[in-house]
Amino acid sequence: MVLTDAQKRANEKWHRNHRERANYIAMRSSARSFIRKKSTLEDLEELQNIIENRRKELVEP
């Protein structure tokens, strides 16, 4: 997909103005990619424990 110069500038502007959201999206994408393509059974077990603990943190007031 070829982007016009105007679209490239718009993308850069959005990224500058929404840096935190852009970083969140990039980290989420990396995590999903790791889980789908590179993780071992040990990795998945550790991640499952981390997810369970994080879920408890978010649910409890």
Protein backbone atom coordinates (compact mmCIF):
# COMPACT_ATOMS: atom_id res chain seq x y z
CA MET A 1 0.00 0.00 0.00
CA VAL A 2 1.54 3.27 -1.11
CA LEU A 3 0.91 6.28 1.11
CA THR A 4 0.78 9.80 -0.17
CA ASP A 5 2.99 12.42 1.46
CA ALA A 6 -0.10 13.96 3.04
CA GLN A 7 -1.09 10.62 4.59
CA LYS A 8 2.44 10.06 5.90
CA ARG A 9 2.37 13.49 7.54
CA ALA A 10 -1.06 12.79 9.00
CA ASN A 11 0.16 9.46 10.42
CA GLU A 12 3.22 11.10 11.96
CA LYS A 13 1.09 13.86 13.46
CA TRP A 14 -1.33 11.33 14.96
CA HIS A 15 1.58 9.35 16.42
CA ARG A 16 3.08 12.49 17.99
CA ASN A 17 -0.26 13.54 19.46
CA HIS A 18 -1.21 10.07 20.67
CA ARG A 19 2.17 8.68 21.71
CA GLU A 20 0.83 6.75 24.71
CA ARG A 21 -1.91 5.05 22.65
CA ALA A 22 0.53 4.25 19.84
CA ASN A 23 2.95 2.66 22.32
CA TYR A 24 0.11 0.65 23.86
CA ILE A 25 -0.92 -0.67 20.43
CA ALA A 26 2.68 -1.58 19.54
CA MET A 27 3.26 -3.41 22.84
CA ARG A 28 -0.03 -5.27 22.54
CA SER A 29 0.88 -6.35 19.03
CA SER A 30 4.30 -7.56 20.17
CA ALA A 31 2.80 -9.57 23.02
CA ARG A 32 0.25 -11.23 20.75
CA SER A 33 2.88 -12.01 18.14
CA PHE A 34 5.19 -13.54 20.74
CA ILE A 35 2.40 -15.71 22.13
CA ARG A 36 1.31 -16.92 18.70
CA LYS A 37 4.71 -17.49 17.11
CA LYS A 38 7.53 -17.92 19.61
CA SER A 39 6.24 -18.92 23.04
CA THR A 40 7.02 -22.25 24.63
CA LEU A 41 4.76 -24.18 26.96
CA GLU A 42 6.74 -22.79 29.91
CA ASP A 43 6.26 -19.26 28.59
CA LEU A 44 2.52 -19.80 28.26
CA GLU A 45 2.23 -21.17 31.79
CA GLU A 46 4.11 -18.18 33.20
CA LEU A 47 2.05 -15.75 31.16
CA GLN A 48 -1.16 -17.42 32.29
CA ASN A 49 -0.18 -16.85 35.94
CA ILE A 50 0.69 -13.23 35.20
CA ILE A 51 -2.64 -12.72 33.43
CA GLU A 52 -4.59 -14.27 36.30
CA ASN A 53 -2.84 -11.99 38.82
CA ARG A 54 -3.41 -8.93 36.66
CA ARG A 55 -7.08 -9.80 36.20
CA LYS A 56 -7.48 -10.02 40.00
CA GLU A 57 -5.83 -6.59 40.37
CA LEU A 58 -8.23 -5.05 37.88
CA VAL A 59 -11.37 -6.63 39.34
CA GLU A 60 -10.66 -5.95 43.02
CA PRO A 61 -11.20 -2.35 44.16
